[in-house]
Protein backbone atom coordinates (compact mmCIF):
# COMPACT_ATOMS: atom_id res chain seq x y z
CA MET A 1 40.47 -39.31 -32.97
CA SER A 2 37.34 -36.61 -33.61
CA VAL A 3 35.92 -34.24 -30.83
CA ALA A 4 31.74 -34.51 -31.24
CA GLN A 5 30.63 -31.22 -31.81
CA GLU A 6 27.57 -30.36 -29.10
CA THR A 7 24.11 -28.61 -30.79
CA PRO A 8 23.73 -26.00 -28.46
CA VAL A 9 20.25 -26.21 -26.41
CA GLU A 10 18.12 -23.90 -27.66
CA THR A 11 16.45 -22.67 -23.92
CA VAL A 12 12.75 -21.10 -24.38
CA LYS A 13 11.92 -17.93 -21.87
CA THR A 14 8.56 -18.54 -20.15
CA PHE A 15 7.39 -15.68 -17.93
CA PRO A 16 4.28 -16.27 -15.19
CA THR A 17 0.79 -16.96 -15.63
CA PRO A 18 -0.88 -13.64 -14.41
CA PRO A 19 -3.62 -14.27 -11.47
CA ARG A 20 -6.63 -14.03 -12.72
CA ARG A 21 -8.55 -11.13 -11.27
CA ASN A 22 -12.11 -11.30 -10.40
CA GLY A 23 -14.79 -8.38 -11.58
CA ARG A 24 -16.11 -5.81 -9.40
CA TRP A 25 -19.42 -7.69 -9.02
CA ALA A 26 -18.04 -11.57 -8.92
CA GLY A 27 -18.32 -11.49 -4.57
CA TYR A 28 -21.62 -10.68 -4.99
CA TRP A 29 -22.58 -13.12 -7.80
CA HIS A 30 -20.55 -15.84 -5.65
CA LEU A 31 -22.49 -15.42 -2.20
CA LEU A 32 -25.94 -15.15 -3.99
CA MET A 33 -25.58 -18.32 -5.71
CA ALA A 34 -23.93 -20.16 -2.37
CA ARG A 35 -27.81 -18.86 -1.10
CA MET A 36 -29.51 -20.08 -3.47
CA LEU A 37 -27.77 -23.64 -2.39
CA GLU A 38 -28.78 -22.88 0.91
CA LEU A 39 -31.94 -22.81 0.33
CA LYS A 40 -32.23 -26.74 -0.49
CA ARG A 41 -31.80 -27.21 3.47
CA GLU A 42 -34.12 -25.57 4.37
CA PRO A 43 -37.29 -27.90 2.97
CA GLU A 44 -39.99 -26.19 5.13
CA VAL A 45 -39.00 -22.87 2.79
CA VAL A 46 -40.60 -24.32 0.22
CA PHE A 47 -43.76 -25.38 2.84
CA TRP A 48 -44.21 -21.38 4.16
CA VAL A 49 -43.68 -19.92 0.73
CA PHE A 50 -45.30 -21.40 -1.97
CA ALA A 51 -48.09 -24.11 0.22
CA PHE A 52 -48.74 -22.07 2.83
CA PRO A 53 -50.90 -19.32 0.81
CA LEU A 54 -51.95 -21.58 -1.35
CA LEU A 55 -53.61 -23.13 1.43
CA LEU A 56 -54.72 -19.86 2.40
CA ALA A 57 -56.33 -19.15 -0.57
CA LEU A 58 -57.99 -22.26 -1.03
CA GLY A 59 -59.51 -22.34 2.18
CA LEU A 60 -60.43 -18.48 2.37
CA GLY A 61 -62.02 -19.20 -0.89
CA ILE A 62 -64.08 -21.63 0.14
CA ALA A 63 -65.34 -20.11 2.97
CA PHE A 64 -66.70 -16.64 0.94
CA ARG A 65 -67.12 -18.36 -2.55
CA ASN A 66 -70.40 -16.70 -4.37
CA LYS A 67 -73.14 -18.45 -2.73
CA PRO A 68 -76.85 -17.88 -2.52
CA GLY A 69 -76.50 -16.26 1.02
CA ASN A 70 -77.37 -18.19 4.33
CA ALA A 71 -80.69 -18.11 5.57
CA ALA A 72 -81.10 -16.09 8.86
CA SER A 73 -81.87 -17.51 12.05
CA VAL A 74 -84.93 -15.28 13.58
CA ALA A 75 -85.86 -15.73 17.04
CA ILE A 76 -90.14 -14.51 18.08
CA VAL A 77 -90.67 -14.15 21.61
CA GLY A 78 -94.07 -13.96 22.67
CA ASP A 79 -97.46 -13.80 22.03
CA PHE A 80 -96.81 -11.96 18.39
CA ALA A 81 -95.24 -15.79 17.71
CA GLN A 82 -97.98 -17.60 15.59
CA GLU A 83 -98.99 -15.02 13.65
CA ALA A 84 -95.13 -13.36 12.70
CA GLN A 85 -94.09 -17.12 12.46
CA ALA A 86 -97.28 -17.47 9.89
CA LEU A 87 -96.81 -14.44 8.18
CA LEU A 88 -92.87 -15.62 7.53
CA THR A 89 -93.53 -18.25 6.18
CA ARG A 90 -96.32 -16.93 3.47
CA SER A 91 -93.60 -14.67 2.41
CA PRO A 92 -92.26 -14.82 -1.43
CA GLN A 93 -89.38 -14.16 0.99
CA HIS A 94 -89.75 -17.62 3.02
CA GLU A 95 -86.34 -18.80 1.60
CA GLN A 96 -83.79 -15.59 3.47
CA PHE A 97 -85.27 -16.70 7.04
CA LYS A 98 -85.05 -19.32 9.35
CA ALA A 99 -87.87 -18.25 12.11
CA GLN A 100 -88.51 -20.16 15.59
CA ILE A 101 -90.81 -19.97 18.29
CA VAL A 102 -88.71 -19.82 21.54
CA ASN A 103 -89.38 -18.26 25.40
CA GLU A 104 -87.57 -14.92 25.92
CA ALA A 105 -84.59 -16.62 28.41
CA GLU A 106 -83.37 -18.35 25.03
CA ALA A 107 -83.80 -16.00 22.79
CA GLU A 108 -81.41 -13.64 24.93
CA GLN A 109 -79.05 -16.86 25.66
CA GLY A 110 -78.85 -17.93 21.46
CA PHE A 111 -78.76 -14.12 20.24
CA ARG A 112 -75.78 -13.97 23.04
CA LEU A 113 -73.89 -16.70 21.31
CA GLY A 114 -74.63 -15.62 18.44
CA LYS A 115 -77.12 -18.76 17.51
CA PHE A 116 -79.97 -15.95 16.28
CA ASP A 117 -79.22 -13.59 13.80
CA LEU A 118 -82.31 -10.99 15.27
CA VAL A 119 -84.70 -11.40 17.82
CA VAL A 120 -88.31 -10.64 17.10
CA THR A 121 -90.83 -9.23 20.56
CA PRO A 122 -94.54 -7.36 20.62
CA TYR A 123 -94.17 -4.29 22.33
CA GLY A 124 -97.56 -2.98 22.41
CA GLU A 125 -99.99 -3.04 20.53
CA GLY A 126 -99.44 -3.25 16.97
CA VAL A 127 -95.56 -2.61 17.65
CA VAL A 128 -92.86 -4.79 17.00
CA GLU A 129 -89.19 -4.73 18.43
CA TYR A 130 -86.75 -5.90 16.53
CA ARG A 131 -83.57 -6.35 18.82
CA TYR A 132 -80.15 -6.79 16.78
CA ASP A 133 -76.09 -6.49 16.77
CA PRO A 134 -75.35 -3.18 14.52
CA ALA A 135 -71.67 -5.27 14.00
CA ARG A 136 -72.77 -8.16 12.68
CA PRO A 137 -73.92 -7.04 9.23
CA GLU A 138 -76.26 -11.01 8.95
CA SER A 139 -77.80 -9.52 11.87
CA VAL A 140 -78.44 -5.98 9.83
CA LEU A 141 -78.98 -7.94 7.24
CA ALA A 142 -82.48 -9.84 9.07
CA ARG A 143 -83.66 -6.94 10.78
CA ALA A 144 -84.16 -5.63 7.15
CA GLU A 145 -85.82 -8.49 5.33
CA VAL A 146 -87.57 -9.79 8.45
CA ASP A 147 -89.22 -6.62 8.18
CA ASP A 148 -89.98 -6.12 4.50
CA ALA A 149 -91.90 -9.42 4.88
CA LEU A 150 -94.07 -8.58 7.55
CA GLN A 151 -94.85 -5.25 6.33
CA ARG A 152 -96.30 -6.87 3.10
CA MET A 153 -97.86 -8.94 4.93
CA ALA A 154 -99.79 -6.96 6.64
CA GLY A 155 -101.03 -4.76 4.03
CA ARG A 156 -98.52 -2.82 3.14
CA GLN A 157 -97.88 -1.65 -1.12
CA ASP A 158 -94.70 -0.76 -2.40
CA GLN A 159 -95.05 2.69 -4.24
CA PHE A 160 -93.64 1.50 -8.01
CA ARG A 161 -91.88 -2.27 -8.77
CA ALA A 162 -88.68 -3.28 -8.23
CA ILE A 163 -86.67 -5.72 -10.21
CA SER A 164 -83.21 -7.19 -8.59
CA THR A 165 -80.73 -8.59 -10.35
CA ALA A 166 -77.57 -10.55 -8.93
CA SER A 167 -74.24 -9.97 -10.19
CA SER A 168 -71.26 -11.91 -9.80
CA GLU A 169 -68.98 -10.29 -12.01
CA PRO A 170 -65.20 -11.69 -11.49
CA GLY A 171 -62.65 -8.49 -10.05
CA SER A 172 -65.69 -7.92 -7.81
CA ARG A 173 -65.43 -10.79 -5.70
CA TYR A 174 -63.51 -11.26 -2.15
CA ILE A 175 -61.44 -13.85 -3.76
CA ASP A 176 -60.74 -11.11 -6.39
CA PHE A 177 -59.82 -8.57 -3.51
CA LEU A 178 -57.97 -10.97 -1.54
CA ILE A 179 -55.10 -13.37 -3.73
CA PRO A 180 -53.74 -9.57 -4.19
CA GLY A 181 -53.15 -9.64 -0.83
CA LEU A 182 -52.48 -12.29 -0.08
CA LEU A 183 -49.20 -12.14 -2.47
CA GLY A 184 -48.46 -8.93 -0.68
CA MET A 185 -48.44 -10.41 2.47
CA ASN A 186 -46.55 -13.23 0.68
CA LEU A 187 -43.46 -11.20 0.35
CA MET A 188 -43.38 -9.08 3.07
CA ASN A 189 -42.94 -12.48 5.29
CA SER A 190 -40.10 -13.86 2.84
CA GLY A 191 -38.46 -10.15 2.55
CA MET A 192 -38.89 -10.18 6.34
CA TRP A 193 -38.44 -14.25 7.40
CA GLY A 194 -36.52 -15.36 5.36
CA ILE A 195 -33.36 -12.55 5.24
CA GLY A 196 -34.15 -11.84 9.14
CA PHE A 197 -33.86 -14.55 10.41
CA ALA A 198 -31.16 -16.17 8.65
CA LEU A 199 -29.54 -13.28 9.33
CA VAL A 200 -29.52 -14.05 13.28
CA ASP A 201 -29.56 -18.00 13.33
CA MET A 202 -25.84 -17.27 10.93
CA ARG A 203 -24.95 -15.11 13.54
CA GLN A 204 -25.70 -17.28 16.29
CA ARG A 205 -24.26 -19.67 15.46
CA LYS A 206 -20.75 -17.52 14.25
CA LEU A 207 -21.05 -18.90 10.17
CA LEU A 208 -21.15 -14.34 10.33
CA LYS A 209 -17.18 -14.03 11.63
CA ARG A 210 -15.72 -16.33 9.37
CA PHE A 211 -16.97 -13.91 6.71
CA VAL A 212 -14.76 -11.16 8.16
CA GLY A 213 -11.26 -12.21 7.30
CA THR A 214 -12.36 -12.61 3.74
CA PRO A 215 -11.68 -10.13 1.46
CA MET A 216 -15.57 -9.57 1.40
CA ARG A 217 -17.44 -5.97 0.53
CA ARG A 218 -20.28 -5.97 3.15
CA GLY A 219 -22.56 -4.17 1.06
CA ASP A 220 -22.04 -7.23 -1.64
CA PHE A 221 -22.75 -10.16 1.31
CA LEU A 222 -25.94 -7.68 2.31
CA LEU A 223 -27.26 -7.55 -1.01
CA ALA A 224 -27.33 -10.59 -2.61
CA ILE A 225 -28.61 -11.77 1.31
CA MET A 226 -31.40 -9.01 -0.25
CA THR A 227 -31.93 -10.34 -3.64
CA SER A 228 -32.12 -14.08 -2.82
CA ARG A 229 -35.80 -13.57 -2.63
CA LEU A 230 -35.99 -12.33 -6.42
CA VAL A 231 -35.49 -15.34 -7.13
CA LEU A 232 -38.06 -17.12 -4.64
CA MET A 233 -40.71 -13.89 -5.31
CA VAL A 234 -40.97 -14.96 -9.30
CA LEU A 235 -42.24 -18.62 -8.20
CA GLU A 236 -44.26 -18.09 -5.27
CA VAL A 237 -46.68 -14.52 -7.75
CA GLY A 238 -46.69 -16.58 -10.71
CA LEU A 239 -47.66 -19.51 -8.52
CA LEU A 240 -50.60 -17.79 -6.62
CA LEU A 241 -51.68 -16.06 -9.52
CA VAL A 242 -52.35 -18.88 -11.99
CA PHE A 243 -54.08 -20.61 -8.61
CA GLY A 244 -56.85 -18.34 -8.72
CA ILE A 245 -56.86 -17.65 -12.68
CA LEU A 246 -57.71 -21.93 -12.70
CA LEU A 247 -59.43 -22.39 -9.40
CA PHE A 248 -61.49 -18.74 -8.94
CA HIS A 249 -61.30 -18.24 -13.03
CA MET A 250 -59.40 -14.45 -11.12
CA ARG A 251 -59.28 -12.41 -14.30
CA VAL A 252 -56.06 -11.16 -14.65
CA LEU A 253 -55.97 -7.23 -16.53
CA GLY A 254 -52.29 -5.55 -16.07
CA SER A 255 -48.91 -6.52 -17.36
CA LEU A 256 -47.40 -10.12 -16.17
CA ALA A 257 -44.51 -7.52 -16.45
CA ALA A 258 -45.65 -4.80 -14.14
CA ILE A 259 -46.69 -7.31 -11.46
CA ALA A 260 -43.29 -8.33 -12.31
CA LEU A 261 -42.16 -5.41 -11.74
CA ILE A 262 -43.44 -4.05 -8.52
CA ALA A 263 -43.99 -7.76 -7.09
CA GLY A 264 -39.78 -7.44 -7.36
CA LEU A 265 -39.89 -3.76 -5.37
CA GLY A 266 -41.63 -5.65 -2.68
CA SER A 267 -39.42 -8.12 -2.64
CA LEU A 268 -36.74 -5.98 -2.34
CA THR A 269 -38.22 -3.48 0.11
CA PHE A 270 -38.83 -5.83 2.84
CA GLY A 271 -35.87 -7.52 1.84
CA GLY A 272 -33.91 -4.52 3.34
CA ILE A 273 -36.46 -3.94 5.85
CA GLY A 274 -35.43 -7.59 6.75
CA LEU A 275 -31.66 -6.61 7.19
CA LEU A 276 -32.56 -3.64 9.29
CA THR A 277 -34.05 -6.28 11.61
CA ALA A 278 -31.84 -8.37 12.08
CA SER A 279 -28.84 -5.55 11.66
CA ARG A 280 -27.83 -6.42 15.26
CA ALA A 281 -30.27 -9.14 16.91
CA GLN A 282 -28.20 -11.31 18.34
CA LYS A 283 -30.69 -14.17 18.92
CA ILE A 284 -33.85 -15.43 17.13
CA GLU A 285 -35.73 -14.63 20.32
CA SER A 286 -35.20 -11.24 19.79
CA ILE A 287 -35.40 -11.01 15.71
CA SER A 288 -38.52 -13.00 16.16
CA GLY A 289 -40.07 -10.52 18.19
CA LEU A 290 -38.70 -7.64 15.93
CA ILE A 291 -40.04 -8.94 12.94
CA ASN A 292 -43.68 -9.70 14.99
CA LEU A 293 -43.49 -5.55 16.36
CA VAL A 294 -42.31 -4.45 12.50
CA MET A 295 -45.02 -6.88 10.35
CA MET A 296 -47.90 -7.14 13.21
CA PRO A 297 -49.35 -3.55 12.24
CA MET A 298 -48.73 -4.29 8.53
CA TRP A 299 -51.24 -7.38 9.18
CA ILE A 300 -53.60 -5.54 10.82
CA PHE A 301 -54.04 -2.28 9.28
CA SER A 302 -52.34 -2.33 4.93
CA GLY A 303 -56.08 -3.73 3.29
CA VAL A 304 -54.67 -7.75 3.05
CA PHE A 305 -58.02 -9.61 4.59
CA PHE A 306 -60.08 -6.82 4.37
CA SER A 307 -60.10 -2.61 2.88
CA TYR A 308 -58.10 -0.26 4.84
CA GLU A 309 -61.20 2.50 4.30
CA ARG A 310 -62.89 0.31 7.54
CA PHE A 311 -60.28 2.38 9.70
CA PRO A 312 -61.09 6.10 10.36
CA ALA A 313 -60.24 8.65 7.43
CA VAL A 314 -58.00 10.78 9.58
CA ILE A 315 -55.76 7.25 9.79
CA HIS A 316 -55.58 6.85 6.18
CA PRO A 317 -52.34 8.61 5.52
CA LEU A 318 -50.54 7.01 7.99
CA ILE A 319 -51.89 3.56 6.41
CA LYS A 320 -50.66 4.52 3.15
CA ALA A 321 -47.35 5.22 4.31
CA LEU A 322 -46.99 1.33 5.20
CA PRO A 323 -45.19 -0.36 3.11
CA LEU A 324 -47.44 -3.09 2.91
CA THR A 325 -50.35 -0.89 2.08
CA ALA A 326 -48.35 0.85 -1.22
CA LEU A 327 -47.64 -3.22 -2.33
CA ASN A 328 -51.05 -4.43 -1.78
CA ASP A 329 -52.46 -1.35 -3.88
CA ALA A 330 -50.52 -1.76 -6.47
CA LEU A 331 -50.83 -4.73 -7.47
CA ARG A 332 -54.79 -4.57 -6.90
CA ALA A 333 -54.98 -1.60 -8.98
CA CYS A 334 -53.11 -3.60 -11.50
CA ILE A 335 -54.01 -6.98 -11.41
CA LEU A 336 -57.63 -6.27 -11.22
CA GLU A 337 -58.25 -2.75 -12.57
CA GLY A 338 -55.36 -3.09 -15.28
CA THR A 339 -53.81 0.52 -14.30
CA PRO A 340 -50.37 1.20 -15.79
CA ILE A 341 -47.08 1.44 -13.70
CA LEU A 342 -46.24 4.88 -14.27
CA ASN A 343 -49.65 5.85 -12.56
CA GLN A 344 -48.94 3.57 -9.58
CA TRP A 345 -45.22 6.26 -9.16
CA PRO A 346 -46.65 7.62 -5.61
CA ARG A 347 -47.13 4.03 -3.99
CA LEU A 348 -43.71 2.92 -5.35
CA LEU A 349 -42.01 6.17 -4.24
CA VAL A 350 -43.43 4.98 -0.86
CA MET A 351 -41.95 1.09 -1.42
CA THR A 352 -38.97 2.66 -2.70
CA LEU A 353 -38.01 4.89 -0.11
CA TRP A 354 -39.04 2.53 2.18
CA GLY A 355 -36.35 -0.16 1.16
CA GLY A 356 -33.60 2.10 -0.23
CA ILE A 357 -33.53 3.40 3.68
CA SER A 358 -33.77 0.54 5.22
CA PHE A 359 -30.58 -0.67 3.24
CA VAL A 360 -28.59 2.32 3.53
CA LEU A 361 -29.54 2.03 7.54
CA ALA A 362 -28.61 -1.97 7.70
CA LEU A 363 -25.70 -1.35 5.79
CA LYS A 364 -24.80 0.73 8.59
CA TRP A 365 -25.31 -0.70 11.73
CA PHE A 366 -24.75 -4.26 10.78
CA ARG A 367 -21.87 -6.02 12.62
CA TRP A 368 -21.05 -9.38 12.39
CA THR A 369 -20.56 -10.46 15.33
């Protein structure tokens, strides 16, 4: 009886697969992508970030578009009324004002309510009184135009002949001043509200507590929240610039790379300030008050809708130290003047200091609950 010989079985030695190790920035990138996906659940972001600035630019651009000046409304009172109205009607500048003969009470009430820009009253023999409001540019202009017309029609001779040429070149219009200011304002709004409000909302809904038990760095979380605005920044800046170029024929003299760099730094700056305001706030009402407290001075002083040069010169250094002032000035210099980015280092330094210090303080003071 033969004995079957057993064939030896060859054994293969296996080694356990080493666990996959994520890189240093893996957590940051995952958090950033998660934040971007969360924006899909916030349809109001589309309106406030993209639609609202366009509607604001359209409304103000139409309101202050270049057009012939509105005729000044002039009220004429007293015995001089018929003669003054006849002189103004025959003057070469008669299209610049609209004169009405009214009684003194009607003129008083109309001027007080803004219906009349100027009130013309006889003050004595050969003397005319002009009542105007120096705080209203249209009132000051009406005073100068009416006086010039009356003096000329009364026989005044000019010493030399003057030629006036109207010029409304792109770059010098109000809409050209406005759009860079709207860019800066929108970057501030999206950084403050988009980050500060979102963080406090997550804290109030106890979502931040879930991150405490994960092996996640606090700095990665805050940095991901702050830099998530950069993606939206590219879209909102590009959209508003294209809107101004196509609809209002705005000229962009600076490079797109310089504009993107300034806007990106501005977005990070206000992202850091937004993190700081939300680092300890517990309720939506608290963060709303803090954000408005931070933003309101910059809305007023930083030259969004009008130049801060209107304010007293003694406070100009304080105004220029505000981050929105630095951002608006840098955007206007780049877009309207083509100023190289290296020549704007003081403004960039102001934004960097505001953003950097705010982020460091937010990292130190941030609380999960």
